N, C-alpha and C. Protein backbone atom coordinates (compact mmCIF):
# COMPACT_ATOMS: atom_id res chain seq x y z
N MET A 1 -19.40 -11.94 4.00
CA MET A 1 -18.22 -12.03 4.96
C MET A 1 -17.41 -10.86 5.05
N PHE A 2 -16.74 -11.04 6.09
CA PHE A 2 -15.81 -9.75 7.19
C PHE A 2 -14.19 -10.71 7.37
N GLU A 3 -13.51 -9.70 7.41
CA GLU A 3 -12.03 -9.68 6.85
C GLU A 3 -11.45 -9.15 7.98
N ILE A 4 -10.79 -9.49 9.33
CA ILE A 4 -10.16 -9.18 10.08
C ILE A 4 -8.81 -10.09 10.00
N GLU A 5 -7.45 -8.31 9.67
CA GLU A 5 -6.34 -9.00 8.97
C GLU A 5 -5.14 -8.24 10.50
N VAL A 6 -4.39 -8.89 9.95
CA VAL A 6 -3.39 -8.23 10.90
C VAL A 6 -2.57 -6.92 10.10
N HIS A 7 -2.71 -5.35 10.52
CA HIS A 7 -1.87 -4.70 9.88
C HIS A 7 -0.76 -4.24 10.25
N GLU A 8 -0.64 -4.33 11.60
CA GLU A 8 0.36 -4.31 12.86
C GLU A 8 0.76 -4.81 13.87
N VAL A 9 1.99 -5.40 14.39
CA VAL A 9 1.68 -5.33 15.73
C VAL A 9 3.32 -4.97 16.55
N ARG A 10 2.51 -4.70 17.37
CA ARG A 10 3.74 -3.36 17.81
C ARG A 10 4.27 -4.45 19.91
N GLY A 11 5.24 -4.59 19.64
CA GLY A 11 6.09 -5.43 20.98
C GLY A 11 6.29 -7.37 20.46
N LYS A 12 5.58 -7.83 20.67
CA LYS A 12 5.39 -8.92 20.62
C LYS A 12 4.29 -9.98 21.47
N CYS A 13 3.80 -11.23 20.02
CA CYS A 13 2.46 -11.23 20.32
C CYS A 13 2.58 -12.73 20.29
N PRO A 14 2.49 -13.63 20.73
CA PRO A 14 2.17 -15.29 20.46
C PRO A 14 1.24 -15.42 19.98
N VAL A 15 0.11 -14.80 19.72
CA VAL A 15 -0.66 -15.54 18.93
C VAL A 15 -0.89 -15.20 17.39
N PHE A 16 -0.47 -14.16 16.77
CA PHE A 16 -0.86 -13.48 15.59
C PHE A 16 0.31 -13.07 15.37
N LYS A 17 0.70 -12.62 13.30
CA LYS A 17 1.58 -12.31 13.52
C LYS A 17 1.26 -10.98 11.60
N VAL A 18 1.86 -10.65 11.44
CA VAL A 18 1.17 -9.55 10.46
C VAL A 18 1.14 -9.89 9.15
N GLY A 19 -0.38 -9.68 8.51
CA GLY A 19 -0.31 -10.70 7.91
C GLY A 19 -2.31 -12.22 8.23
N ASP A 20 -1.90 -12.15 9.04
CA ASP A 20 -2.39 -12.98 9.76
C ASP A 20 -4.58 -12.32 9.69
N LYS A 21 -5.13 -13.41 9.11
CA LYS A 21 -6.67 -12.80 7.90
C LYS A 21 -7.41 -14.14 9.80
N ILE A 22 -8.35 -13.59 10.05
CA ILE A 22 -9.82 -13.96 10.28
C ILE A 22 -10.80 -12.92 9.44
N VAL A 23 -11.70 -14.69 9.53
CA VAL A 23 -12.87 -14.28 8.23
C VAL A 23 -13.75 -14.48 9.39
N ILE A 24 -14.80 -13.56 8.60
CA ILE A 24 -16.35 -13.83 9.30
C ILE A 24 -17.42 -14.12 8.51
N ASP A 25 -17.97 -15.07 8.60
CA ASP A 25 -19.43 -15.46 7.89
C ASP A 25 -20.76 -15.14 8.71
N GLY A 26 -21.51 -13.96 9.22
CA GLY A 26 -22.09 -14.16 10.04
C GLY A 26 -22.01 -14.19 10.86
N PRO A 27 -22.92 -15.73 12.09
CA PRO A 27 -21.97 -15.59 13.65
C PRO A 27 -20.44 -16.55 13.54
N LYS A 28 -20.18 -16.73 11.95
CA LYS A 28 -19.37 -18.49 11.96
C LYS A 28 -18.20 -17.62 12.65
N ILE A 29 -17.08 -17.75 12.82
CA ILE A 29 -15.23 -17.94 12.23
C ILE A 29 -15.66 -18.83 10.97
N VAL A 30 -15.04 -18.16 10.27
CA VAL A 30 -14.46 -19.83 8.58
C VAL A 30 -13.23 -20.02 8.70
N LEU A 31 -13.23 -20.87 9.94
CA LEU A 31 -11.79 -21.33 9.91
C LEU A 31 -10.64 -21.93 9.30
N GLU A 32 -11.00 -22.66 8.29
CA GLU A 32 -10.84 -22.64 6.86
C GLU A 32 -10.25 -21.71 6.70
N LYS A 33 -10.44 -20.93 6.99
CA LYS A 33 -9.60 -19.49 6.08
C LYS A 33 -9.30 -18.13 7.39
N THR A 34 -9.27 -18.95 8.19
CA THR A 34 -8.64 -17.92 9.70
C THR A 34 -7.15 -18.78 10.27
N ASP A 35 -6.05 -17.79 10.08
CA ASP A 35 -5.10 -18.30 10.87
C ASP A 35 -5.00 -18.16 12.35
N ALA A 36 -5.13 -17.73 12.63
CA ALA A 36 -5.19 -17.38 14.41
C ALA A 36 -6.29 -17.03 14.69
N VAL A 37 -7.06 -17.36 16.65
CA VAL A 37 -8.08 -16.57 16.92
C VAL A 37 -7.66 -16.14 18.51
N CYS A 38 -7.40 -15.24 18.69
CA CYS A 38 -6.68 -14.88 20.26
C CYS A 38 -7.83 -14.15 21.07
N ILE A 39 -8.63 -14.81 22.40
CA ILE A 39 -9.36 -14.16 23.31
C ILE A 39 -9.50 -12.89 23.67
N HIS A 40 -8.46 -12.49 23.56
CA HIS A 40 -7.90 -10.62 24.05
C HIS A 40 -7.93 -10.28 22.97
N ALA A 41 -8.12 -10.41 22.05
CA ALA A 41 -8.59 -9.39 20.92
C ALA A 41 -9.65 -9.38 20.20
N LEU A 42 -10.23 -11.41 20.73
CA LEU A 42 -11.77 -10.95 20.38
C LEU A 42 -12.83 -9.64 20.76
N ALA A 43 -12.73 -9.40 22.73
CA ALA A 43 -12.91 -8.29 23.21
C ALA A 43 -13.45 -7.13 22.49
N PRO A 44 -12.29 -6.34 22.30
CA PRO A 44 -12.50 -5.53 21.31
C PRO A 44 -13.38 -5.64 20.39
N LEU A 45 -12.97 -6.59 19.29
CA LEU A 45 -13.21 -6.76 18.24
C LEU A 45 -14.95 -6.94 18.13
N LEU A 46 -15.14 -8.53 18.96
CA LEU A 46 -16.40 -8.57 18.80
C LEU A 46 -17.98 -7.17 18.75
N HIS A 47 -17.49 -6.14 19.58
CA HIS A 47 -18.00 -4.85 19.39
C HIS A 47 -18.48 -4.59 18.56
N TYR A 48 -17.36 -4.93 17.98
CA TYR A 48 -17.51 -3.30 16.62
C TYR A 48 -17.81 -4.05 15.46
N VAL A 49 -18.43 -5.54 15.13
CA VAL A 49 -18.08 -7.15 13.69
C VAL A 49 -19.39 -6.82 13.59
N VAL A 50 -19.92 -6.80 13.99
CA VAL A 50 -21.35 -6.93 13.57
C VAL A 50 -22.10 -5.52 12.74
N ALA A 51 -21.66 -4.56 13.38
CA ALA A 51 -22.08 -3.36 12.52
C ALA A 51 -21.39 -2.34 11.56
N LEU A 52 -20.34 -3.29 12.06
CA LEU A 52 -19.36 -2.39 10.57
C LEU A 52 -19.37 -3.72 9.42
N ASP A 53 -20.26 -5.25 10.21
CA ASP A 53 -20.63 -6.46 8.67
C ASP A 53 -21.63 -6.05 7.35
N ARG A 54 -22.45 -5.85 8.48
CA ARG A 54 -23.70 -5.01 8.65
C ARG A 54 -23.97 -3.27 7.63
N GLY A 55 -22.88 -2.79 7.06
CA GLY A 55 -22.53 -1.13 6.48
C GLY A 55 -22.29 -0.28 7.18
N VAL A 56 -22.55 -0.45 8.69
CA VAL A 56 -22.27 1.37 9.57
C VAL A 56 -20.88 1.54 9.02
N ASP A 57 -20.87 2.82 8.52
CA ASP A 57 -19.76 3.74 8.91
C ASP A 57 -18.64 3.88 9.59
N PRO A 58 -17.48 3.15 9.57
CA PRO A 58 -16.70 3.12 10.20
C PRO A 58 -16.05 4.79 10.65
N ARG A 59 -15.84 5.72 9.72
CA ARG A 59 -15.91 7.45 10.28
C ARG A 59 -16.94 6.99 11.34
N GLY A 60 -18.04 7.33 11.30
CA GLY A 60 -18.42 7.33 12.24
C GLY A 60 -18.65 6.41 13.70
N LEU A 61 -18.04 5.39 14.03
CA LEU A 61 -17.35 5.13 15.02
C LEU A 61 -16.37 5.41 15.85
N GLY A 62 -15.63 6.36 14.61
CA GLY A 62 -14.33 6.76 15.26
C GLY A 62 -12.77 5.76 14.77
N LEU A 63 -13.58 4.71 14.11
CA LEU A 63 -12.60 3.95 13.23
C LEU A 63 -11.66 3.58 12.04
N SER A 64 -11.99 5.01 11.46
CA SER A 64 -11.49 5.36 10.44
C SER A 64 -11.14 6.61 10.08
N LYS A 65 -10.52 6.86 8.77
CA LYS A 65 -11.22 8.08 8.01
C LYS A 65 -11.72 8.21 6.77
N THR A 66 -11.09 6.85 6.76
CA THR A 66 -12.37 5.90 5.65
C THR A 66 -12.71 5.56 5.18
N PRO A 67 -14.17 5.38 4.45
CA PRO A 67 -15.54 5.16 4.32
C PRO A 67 -15.11 2.92 4.28
N ASP A 68 -14.38 2.07 3.80
CA ASP A 68 -14.00 0.91 3.49
C ASP A 68 -13.15 0.17 4.25
N GLU A 69 -12.81 0.77 5.66
CA GLU A 69 -12.00 0.03 6.42
C GLU A 69 -12.30 0.09 8.05
N ALA A 70 -11.50 -0.15 9.42
CA ALA A 70 -11.72 0.34 9.92
C ALA A 70 -10.41 -0.43 11.00
N TYR A 71 -10.44 0.03 11.85
CA TYR A 71 -9.52 -0.35 12.71
C TYR A 71 -9.58 -0.12 14.59
N ILE A 72 -8.83 -1.19 14.75
CA ILE A 72 -9.32 -1.88 15.89
C ILE A 72 -7.97 -2.50 16.74
N GLN A 73 -7.50 -1.76 18.04
CA GLN A 73 -6.13 -2.72 18.71
C GLN A 73 -6.58 -3.54 19.51
N CYS A 74 -6.34 -4.54 19.24
CA CYS A 74 -5.87 -5.61 20.86
C CYS A 74 -5.69 -4.76 22.17
N VAL A 75 -6.00 -5.07 23.52
CA VAL A 75 -5.80 -4.32 24.40
C VAL A 75 -5.37 -4.91 25.51
N ASP A 76 -4.51 -5.64 25.10
CA ASP A 76 -2.78 -5.92 25.81
C ASP A 76 -1.73 -4.91 25.46
N PRO A 77 -1.65 -3.36 26.41
CA PRO A 77 -0.63 -2.68 26.10
C PRO A 77 0.53 -2.61 25.65
N GLY A 78 0.85 -4.05 26.08
CA GLY A 78 2.32 -3.94 26.03
C GLY A 78 3.57 -3.61 26.25
N GLU A 79 4.87 -4.28 26.73
CA GLU A 79 6.10 -3.17 27.73
C GLU A 79 5.72 -1.92 27.55
N PRO A 80 5.93 -1.25 28.72
CA PRO A 80 7.17 -1.95 29.86
C PRO A 80 5.47 -2.07 31.10
N TYR A 81 3.83 -2.27 30.43
CA TYR A 81 3.16 -3.24 31.41
C TYR A 81 2.91 -4.03 31.18
N THR A 82 3.14 -4.93 29.95
CA THR A 82 2.93 -6.54 30.25
C THR A 82 4.11 -6.55 29.29
N GLY A 83 4.55 -8.42 29.11
CA GLY A 83 5.58 -9.15 28.36
C GLY A 83 5.09 -9.33 27.05
N GLY A 84 4.02 -8.78 26.16
CA GLY A 84 3.40 -9.25 24.68
C GLY A 84 3.89 -7.73 24.08
N GLY A 85 2.72 -7.93 23.69
CA GLY A 85 2.13 -6.51 22.49
C GLY A 85 1.31 -6.00 22.56
N THR A 86 0.77 -5.11 21.73
CA THR A 86 -0.63 -5.17 20.56
C THR A 86 -1.08 -4.89 19.28
N VAL A 87 -1.34 -5.93 18.82
CA VAL A 87 -2.10 -5.45 17.25
C VAL A 87 -2.84 -4.23 16.94
N ILE A 88 -2.92 -3.97 15.67
CA ILE A 88 -3.47 -3.13 15.07
C ILE A 88 -4.34 -4.60 13.96
N PHE A 89 -5.81 -4.25 13.96
CA PHE A 89 -6.37 -4.92 12.95
C PHE A 89 -7.04 -3.81 11.84
N ARG A 90 -7.20 -4.15 10.64
CA ARG A 90 -7.52 -3.70 9.59
C ARG A 90 -8.77 -5.04 9.47
N CYS A 91 -10.05 -3.96 9.02
CA CYS A 91 -11.45 -4.76 9.14
C CYS A 91 -12.05 -4.42 7.95
N ARG A 92 -12.62 -5.04 7.50
CA ARG A 92 -12.83 -4.66 6.00
C ARG A 92 -13.97 -6.12 5.73
N ARG A 93 -15.52 -5.49 5.27
CA ARG A 93 -16.75 -6.76 4.44
C ARG A 93 -16.34 -6.67 3.12
N ILE A 94 -15.79 -8.19 2.79
CA ILE A 94 -15.80 -8.54 1.64
C ILE A 94 -16.29 -9.55 0.96
N LYS A 95 -16.89 -9.71 -0.50
CA LYS A 95 -17.70 -10.71 -0.60
C LYS A 95 -17.53 -12.19 -0.75
N GLY A 96 -17.94 -12.64 -0.73
CA GLY A 96 -18.11 -14.36 -0.49
C GLY A 96 -17.49 -14.94 -1.43
N LYS A 97 -16.36 -15.32 -0.69
CA LYS A 97 -15.59 -16.29 -1.10
C LYS A 97 -15.45 -18.05 -1.51
């Protein structure tokens, strides 16, 4: 299983708050364990989730300084460019729960 947690919100995000989680099991988003989903955030996340879930070292992808977690940012740049904000997600493999 794979967990994506909202680590930081810069600006205003209408979907996520710090601590919100998305849990993925293979190709499935586990809705019972997921707090919210944003279609704008899925774009950058989906590029990396499969590789990270299969054990690719996030350092080699430029997503972390450690092998145990990766950081991925939402595509919304926030103020002054949009009225929203950007979200930093911490991603990691977790044991099935």
